[in-house]
């Protein structure tokens, strides 16, 4: 079974996947939350959790017209 992150990454172009890899390798702690963070690069958004010195990806998404619209 394919997890959500792999499924999301499979929708990206090769250049977008390379960008995600670069972003993940450069993750830095962000302000605002105790252990959940967001990083943005262009249209790509990565949500992750830092716990016990480990980084856990929670979501990798492409921003679109509906990203910030209320449901």
PDB file of N, CA and C in Angstrom:
ATOM      1  N   UNK A   1       0.846  -1.179   0.000  1.00  0.00           N
ATOM      2  CA  UNK A   1       0.000   0.000   0.000  1.00  0.00           C
ATOM      3  C   UNK A   1       0.892   1.243   0.000  1.00  0.00           C
ATOM      4  N   UNK A   2       0.535   2.204  -0.821  1.00  0.00           N
ATOM      5  CA  UNK A   2       1.307   3.436  -0.942  1.00  0.00           C
ATOM      6  C   UNK A   2       0.837   4.431   0.112  1.00  0.00           C
ATOM      7  N   UNK A   3       1.799   5.017   0.859  1.00  0.00           N
ATOM      8  CA  UNK A   3       1.401   5.992   1.875  1.00  0.00           C
ATOM      9  C   UNK A   3       1.048   7.332   1.222  1.00  0.00           C
ATOM     10  N   UNK A   4       0.473   8.244   2.003  1.00  0.00           N
ATOM     11  CA  UNK A   4       0.004   9.534   1.482  1.00  0.00           C
ATOM     12  C   UNK A   4       1.133  10.371   0.915  1.00  0.00           C
ATOM     13  N   UNK A   5       2.292  10.353   1.553  1.00  0.00           N
ATOM     14  CA  UNK A   5       3.420  11.154   1.085  1.00  0.00           C
ATOM     15  C   UNK A   5       3.890  10.662  -0.274  1.00  0.00           C
ATOM     16  N   UNK A   6       4.055   9.355  -0.417  1.00  0.00           N
ATOM     17  CA  UNK A   6       4.487   8.791  -1.697  1.00  0.00           C
ATOM     18  C   UNK A   6       3.459   9.090  -2.783  1.00  0.00           C
ATOM     19  N   UNK A   7       2.195   8.950  -2.453  1.00  0.00           N
ATOM     20  CA  UNK A   7       1.123   9.229  -3.419  1.00  0.00           C
ATOM     21  C   UNK A   7       1.172  10.690  -3.867  1.00  0.00           C
ATOM     22  N   UNK A   8       1.369  11.605  -2.910  1.00  0.00           N
ATOM     23  CA  UNK A   8       1.454  13.034  -3.250  1.00  0.00           C
ATOM     24  C   UNK A   8       2.674  13.309  -4.111  1.00  0.00           C
ATOM     25  N   UNK A   9       3.811  12.722  -3.741  1.00  0.00           N
ATOM     26  CA  UNK A   9       5.039  12.945  -4.507  1.00  0.00           C
ATOM     27  C   UNK A   9       4.940  12.397  -5.921  1.00  0.00           C
ATOM     28  N   UNK A  10       4.200  11.315  -6.104  1.00  0.00           N
ATOM     29  CA  UNK A  10       4.038  10.737  -7.432  1.00  0.00           C
ATOM     30  C   UNK A  10       3.275  11.654  -8.377  1.00  0.00           C
ATOM     31  N   UNK A  11       2.514  12.597  -7.839  1.00  0.00           N
ATOM     32  CA  UNK A  11       1.773  13.554  -8.661  1.00  0.00           C
ATOM     33  C   UNK A  11       2.659  14.692  -9.145  1.00  0.00           C
ATOM     34  N   UNK A  12       3.851  14.836  -8.551  1.00  0.00           N
ATOM     35  CA  UNK A  12       4.748  15.936  -8.898  1.00  0.00           C
ATOM     36  C   UNK A  12       5.608  15.563 -10.099  1.00  0.00           C
ATOM     37  N   UNK A  13       6.067  16.574 -10.805  1.00  0.00           N
ATOM     38  CA  UNK A  13       7.021  16.353 -11.887  1.00  0.00           C
ATOM     39  C   UNK A  13       8.375  16.006 -11.281  1.00  0.00           C
ATOM     40  N   UNK A  14       9.281  15.528 -12.110  1.00  0.00           N
ATOM     41  CA  UNK A  14      10.620  15.175 -11.621  1.00  0.00           C
ATOM     42  C   UNK A  14      11.315  16.387 -11.007  1.00  0.00           C
ATOM     43  N   UNK A  15      11.142  17.553 -11.619  1.00  0.00           N
ATOM     44  CA  UNK A  15      11.790  18.759 -11.086  1.00  0.00           C
ATOM     45  C   UNK A  15      11.170  19.173  -9.751  1.00  0.00           C
ATOM     46  N   UNK A  16       9.855  18.976  -9.588  1.00  0.00           N
ATOM     47  CA  UNK A  16       9.205  19.288  -8.315  1.00  0.00           C
ATOM     48  C   UNK A  16       9.649  18.314  -7.224  1.00  0.00           C
ATOM     49  N   UNK A  17       9.798  17.035  -7.574  1.00  0.00           N
ATOM     50  CA  UNK A  17      10.294  16.058  -6.599  1.00  0.00           C
ATOM     51  C   UNK A  17      11.725  16.391  -6.172  1.00  0.00           C
ATOM     52  N   UNK A  18      12.545  16.829  -7.118  1.00  0.00           N
ATOM     53  CA  UNK A  18      13.919  17.227  -6.789  1.00  0.00           C
ATOM     54  C   UNK A  18      13.903  18.436  -5.855  1.00  0.00           C
ATOM     55  N   UNK A  19      12.975  19.361  -6.072  1.00  0.00           N
ATOM     56  CA  UNK A  19      12.850  20.526  -5.207  1.00  0.00           C
ATOM     57  C   UNK A  19      12.424  20.117  -3.800  1.00  0.00           C
ATOM     58  N   UNK A  20      11.482  19.182  -3.694  1.00  0.00           N
ATOM     59  CA  UNK A  20      11.054  18.682  -2.382  1.00  0.00           C
ATOM     60  C   UNK A  20      12.250  18.057  -1.664  1.00  0.00           C
ATOM     61  N   UNK A  21      13.033  17.269  -2.366  1.00  0.00           N
ATOM     62  CA  UNK A  21      14.200  16.641  -1.757  1.00  0.00           C
ATOM     63  C   UNK A  21      15.164  17.690  -1.229  1.00  0.00           C
ATOM     64  N   UNK A  22      15.405  18.740  -2.021  1.00  0.00           N
ATOM     65  CA  UNK A  22      16.299  19.821  -1.590  1.00  0.00           C
ATOM     66  C   UNK A  22      15.753  20.520  -0.352  1.00  0.00           C
ATOM     67  N   UNK A  23      14.461  20.790  -0.338  1.00  0.00           N
ATOM     68  CA  UNK A  23      13.830  21.456   0.805  1.00  0.00           C
ATOM     69  C   UNK A  23      13.956  20.587   2.054  1.00  0.00           C
ATOM     70  N   UNK A  24      13.660  19.302   1.921  1.00  0.00           N
ATOM     71  CA  UNK A  24      13.704  18.397   3.073  1.00  0.00           C
ATOM     72  C   UNK A  24      15.123  18.329   3.641  1.00  0.00           C
ATOM     73  N   UNK A  25      16.108  18.326   2.775  1.00  0.00           N
ATOM     74  CA  UNK A  25      17.492  18.269   3.242  1.00  0.00           C
ATOM     75  C   UNK A  25      17.910  19.551   3.948  1.00  0.00           C
ATOM     76  N   UNK A  26      17.217  20.660   3.670  1.00  0.00           N
ATOM     77  CA  UNK A  26      17.532  21.956   4.274  1.00  0.00           C
ATOM     78  C   UNK A  26      16.538  22.378   5.350  1.00  0.00           C
ATOM     79  N   UNK A  27      15.723  21.452   5.879  1.00  0.00           N
ATOM     80  CA  UNK A  27      14.722  21.807   6.882  1.00  0.00           C
ATOM     81  C   UNK A  27      15.370  22.453   8.103  1.00  0.00           C
ATOM     82  N   UNK A  28      14.751  23.520   8.534  1.00  0.00           N
ATOM     83  CA  UNK A  28      15.202  24.211   9.735  1.00  0.00           C
ATOM     84  C   UNK A  28      14.001  24.410  10.645  1.00  0.00           C
ATOM     85  N   UNK A  29      14.250  24.513  11.936  1.00  0.00           N
ATOM     86  CA  UNK A  29      13.163  24.722  12.889  1.00  0.00           C
ATOM     87  C   UNK A  29      12.527  26.084  12.633  1.00  0.00           C
ATOM     88  N   UNK A  30      11.204  26.102  12.589  1.00  0.00           N
ATOM     89  CA  UNK A  30      10.464  27.332  12.355  1.00  0.00           C
ATOM     90  C   UNK A  30       9.769  27.775  13.638  1.00  0.00           C
ATOM     91  N   UNK A  31       9.450  29.045  13.720  1.00  0.00           N
ATOM     92  CA  UNK A  31       8.759  29.580  14.896  1.00  0.00           C
ATOM     93  C   UNK A  31       7.257  29.324  14.811  1.00  0.00           C
ATOM     94  N   UNK A  32       6.571  29.347  15.965  1.00  0.00           N
ATOM     95  CA  UNK A  32       5.112  29.315  15.953  1.00  0.00           C
ATOM     96  C   UNK A  32       4.471  28.123  16.626  1.00  0.00           C
ATOM     97  N   UNK A  33       5.077  26.941  16.528  1.00  0.00           N
ATOM     98  CA  UNK A  33       4.498  25.739  17.131  1.00  0.00           C
ATOM     99  C   UNK A  33       5.588  24.986  17.871  1.00  0.00           C
ATOM    100  N   UNK A  34       5.152  24.195  18.819  1.00  0.00           N
ATOM    101  CA  UNK A  34       6.124  23.451  19.613  1.00  0.00           C
ATOM    102  C   UNK A  34       6.854  22.394  18.793  1.00  0.00           C
ATOM    103  N   UNK A  35       6.112  21.611  18.004  1.00  0.00           N
ATOM    104  CA  UNK A  35       6.787  20.553  17.247  1.00  0.00           C
ATOM    105  C   UNK A  35       6.191  20.268  15.875  1.00  0.00           C
ATOM    106  N   UNK A  36       5.349  21.155  15.359  1.00  0.00           N
ATOM    107  CA  UNK A  36       4.812  21.003  14.003  1.00  0.00           C
ATOM    108  C   UNK A  36       5.197  22.243  13.208  1.00  0.00           C
ATOM    109  N   UNK A  37       5.715  21.997  12.005  1.00  0.00           N
ATOM    110  CA  UNK A  37       6.281  23.074  11.223  1.00  0.00           C
ATOM    111  C   UNK A  37       5.789  23.028   9.777  1.00  0.00           C
ATOM    112  N   UNK A  38       5.900  24.155   9.110  1.00  0.00           N
ATOM    113  CA  UNK A  38       5.563  24.229   7.687  1.00  0.00           C
ATOM    114  C   UNK A  38       6.703  24.916   6.983  1.00  0.00           C
ATOM    115  N   UNK A  39       7.021  24.417   5.823  1.00  0.00           N
ATOM    116  CA  UNK A  39       8.025  25.061   4.994  1.00  0.00           C
ATOM    117  C   UNK A  39       7.409  25.248   3.616  1.00  0.00           C
ATOM    118  N   UNK A  40       7.659  26.377   3.005  1.00  0.00           N
ATOM    119  CA  UNK A  40       7.123  26.664   1.678  1.00  0.00           C
ATOM    120  C   UNK A  40       8.276  26.969   0.739  1.00  0.00           C
ATOM    121  N   UNK A  41       8.169  26.483  -0.469  1.00  0.00           N
ATOM    122  CA  UNK A  41       9.116  26.819  -1.522  1.00  0.00           C
ATOM    123  C   UNK A  41       8.330  26.842  -2.813  1.00  0.00           C
ATOM    124  N   UNK A  42       8.112  28.049  -3.327  1.00  0.00           N
ATOM    125  CA  UNK A  42       7.297  28.165  -4.528  1.00  0.00           C
ATOM    126  C   UNK A  42       5.899  27.661  -4.252  1.00  0.00           C
ATOM    127  N   UNK A  43       5.429  26.732  -5.072  1.00  0.00           N
ATOM    128  CA  UNK A  43       4.080  26.188  -4.906  1.00  0.00           C
ATOM    129  C   UNK A  43       4.033  24.958  -4.003  1.00  0.00           C
ATOM    130  N   UNK A  44       5.177  24.523  -3.506  1.00  0.00           N
ATOM    131  CA  UNK A  44       5.224  23.310  -2.701  1.00  0.00           C
ATOM    132  C   UNK A  44       5.182  23.648  -1.219  1.00  0.00           C
ATOM    133  N   UNK A  45       4.337  22.925  -0.463  1.00  0.00           N
ATOM    134  CA  UNK A  45       4.210  23.089   0.980  1.00  0.00           C
ATOM    135  C   UNK A  45       4.550  21.762   1.644  1.00  0.00           C
ATOM    136  N   UNK A  46       5.390  21.814   2.669  1.00  0.00           N
ATOM    137  CA  UNK A  46       5.755  20.622   3.408  1.00  0.00           C
ATOM    138  C   UNK A  46       5.408  20.856   4.870  1.00  0.00           C
ATOM    139  N   UNK A  47       4.621  19.964   5.438  1.00  0.00           N
ATOM    140  CA  UNK A  47       4.254  20.013   6.853  1.00  0.00           C
ATOM    141  C   UNK A  47       4.992  18.850   7.524  1.00  0.00           C
ATOM    142  N   UNK A  48       5.678  19.157   8.626  1.00  0.00           N
ATOM    143  CA  UNK A  48       6.424  18.105   9.291  1.00  0.00           C
ATOM    144  C   UNK A  48       6.411  18.288  10.795  1.00  0.00           C
ATOM    145  N   UNK A  49       6.758  17.227  11.494  1.00  0.00           N
ATOM    146  CA  UNK A  49       6.813  17.237  12.948  1.00  0.00           C
ATOM    147  C   UNK A  49       8.229  16.863  13.360  1.00  0.00           C
ATOM    148  N   UNK A  50       8.737  17.571  14.348  1.00  0.00           N
ATOM    149  CA  UNK A  50      10.047  17.266  14.909  1.00  0.00           C
ATOM    150  C   UNK A  50       9.832  16.646  16.278  1.00  0.00           C
ATOM    151  N   UNK A  51      10.313  15.415  16.450  1.00  0.00           N
ATOM    152  CA  UNK A  51      10.115  14.711  17.720  1.00  0.00           C
ATOM    153  C   UNK A  51      11.337  13.839  17.993  1.00  0.00           C
ATOM    154  N   UNK A  52      11.895  13.998  19.173  1.00  0.00           N
ATOM    155  CA  UNK A  52      13.056  13.211  19.593  1.00  0.00           C
ATOM    156  C   UNK A  52      14.194  13.281  18.581  1.00  0.00           C
ATOM    157  N   UNK A  53      14.404  14.460  17.999  1.00  0.00           N
ATOM    158  CA  UNK A  53      15.489  14.648  17.047  1.00  0.00           C
ATOM    159  C   UNK A  53      15.225  14.069  15.675  1.00  0.00           C
ATOM    160  N   UNK A  54      14.034  13.547  15.442  1.00  0.00           N
ATOM    161  CA  UNK A  54      13.669  12.973  14.153  1.00  0.00           C
ATOM    162  C   UNK A  54      12.667  13.874  13.440  1.00  0.00           C
ATOM    163  N   UNK A  55      12.700  13.879  12.125  1.00  0.00           N
ATOM    164  CA  UNK A  55      11.745  14.644  11.313  1.00  0.00           C
ATOM    165  C   UNK A  55      10.760  13.663  10.702  1.00  0.00           C
ATOM    166  N   UNK A  56       9.475  13.906  10.943  1.00  0.00           N
ATOM    167  CA  UNK A  56       8.404  13.087  10.390  1.00  0.00           C
ATOM    168  C   UNK A  56       7.584  13.938   9.438  1.00  0.00           C
ATOM    169  N   UNK A  57       7.569  13.570   8.156  1.00  0.00           N
ATOM    170  CA  UNK A  57       6.767  14.304   7.189  1.00  0.00           C
ATOM    171  C   UNK A  57       5.300  13.972   7.398  1.00  0.00           C
ATOM    172  N   UNK A  58       4.480  15.012   7.508  1.00  0.00           N
ATOM    173  CA  UNK A  58       3.044  14.836   7.695  1.00  0.00           C
ATOM    174  C   UNK A  58       2.284  15.054   6.398  1.00  0.00           C
ATOM    175  N   UNK A  59       2.771  15.977   5.557  1.00  0.00           N
ATOM    176  CA  UNK A  59       2.120  16.256   4.279  1.00  0.00           C
ATOM    177  C   UNK A  59       3.104  16.927   3.344  1.00  0.00           C
ATOM    178  N   UNK A  60       2.988  16.615   2.067  1.00  0.00           N
ATOM    179  CA  UNK A  60       3.719  17.291   1.002  1.00  0.00           C
ATOM    180  C   UNK A  60       2.670  17.611  -0.048  1.00  0.00           C
ATOM    181  N   UNK A  61       2.440  18.898  -0.278  1.00  0.00           N
ATOM    182  CA  UNK A  61       1.353  19.303  -1.171  1.00  0.00           C
ATOM    183  C   UNK A  61       1.786  20.419  -2.093  1.00  0.00           C
ATOM    184  N   UNK A  62       1.138  20.473  -3.246  1.00  0.00           N
ATOM    185  CA  UNK A  62       1.298  21.602  -4.154  1.00  0.00           C
ATOM    186  C   UNK A  62       0.205  22.600  -3.853  1.00  0.00           C
ATOM    187  N   UNK A  63       0.573  23.863  -3.741  1.00  0.00           N
ATOM    188  CA  UNK A  63      -0.421  24.911  -3.526  1.00  0.00           C
ATOM    189  C   UNK A  63      -1.241  25.056  -4.798  1.00  0.00           C
ATOM    190  N   UNK A  64      -2.546  25.222  -4.622  1.00  0.00           N
ATOM    191  CA  UNK A  64      -3.417  25.490  -5.766  1.00  0.00           C
ATOM    192  C   UNK A  64      -4.418  26.568  -5.377  1.00  0.00           C
ATOM    193  N   UNK A  65      -5.376  26.859  -6.210  1.00  0.00           N
ATOM    194  CA  UNK A  65      -6.348  27.918  -5.947  1.00  0.00           C
ATOM    195  C   UNK A  65      -7.179  27.654  -4.693  1.00  0.00           C
ATOM    196  N   UNK A  66      -7.313  26.410  -4.268  1.00  0.00           N
ATOM    197  CA  UNK A  66      -8.143  26.056  -3.116  1.00  0.00           C
ATOM    198  C   UNK A  66      -7.361  25.938  -1.806  1.00  0.00           C
ATOM    199  N   UNK A  67      -6.052  26.114  -1.833  1.00  0.00           N
ATOM    200  CA  UNK A  67      -5.234  25.875  -0.655  1.00  0.00           C
ATOM    201  C   UNK A  67      -5.694  26.687   0.538  1.00  0.00           C
ATOM    202  N   UNK A  68      -6.019  27.953   0.349  1.00  0.00           N
ATOM    203  CA  UNK A  68      -6.366  28.800   1.472  1.00  0.00           C
ATOM    204  C   UNK A  68      -7.833  29.185   1.523  1.00  0.00           C
ATOM    205  N   UNK A  69      -8.666  28.553   0.733  1.00  0.00           N
ATOM    206  CA  UNK A  69     -10.103  28.822   0.763  1.00  0.00           C
ATOM    207  C   UNK A  69     -10.765  28.024   1.875  1.00  0.00           C
ATOM    208  N   UNK A  70     -11.669  28.668   2.589  1.00  0.00           N
ATOM    209  CA  UNK A  70     -12.421  27.966   3.644  1.00  0.00           C
ATOM    210  C   UNK A  70     -13.421  27.014   2.995  1.00  0.00           C
ATOM    211  N   UNK A  71     -13.622  25.880   3.605  1.00  0.00           N
ATOM    212  CA  UNK A  71     -14.567  24.888   3.076  1.00  0.00           C
ATOM    213  C   UNK A  71     -15.926  25.132   3.646  1.00  0.00           C
TER     214      UNK A  71
END
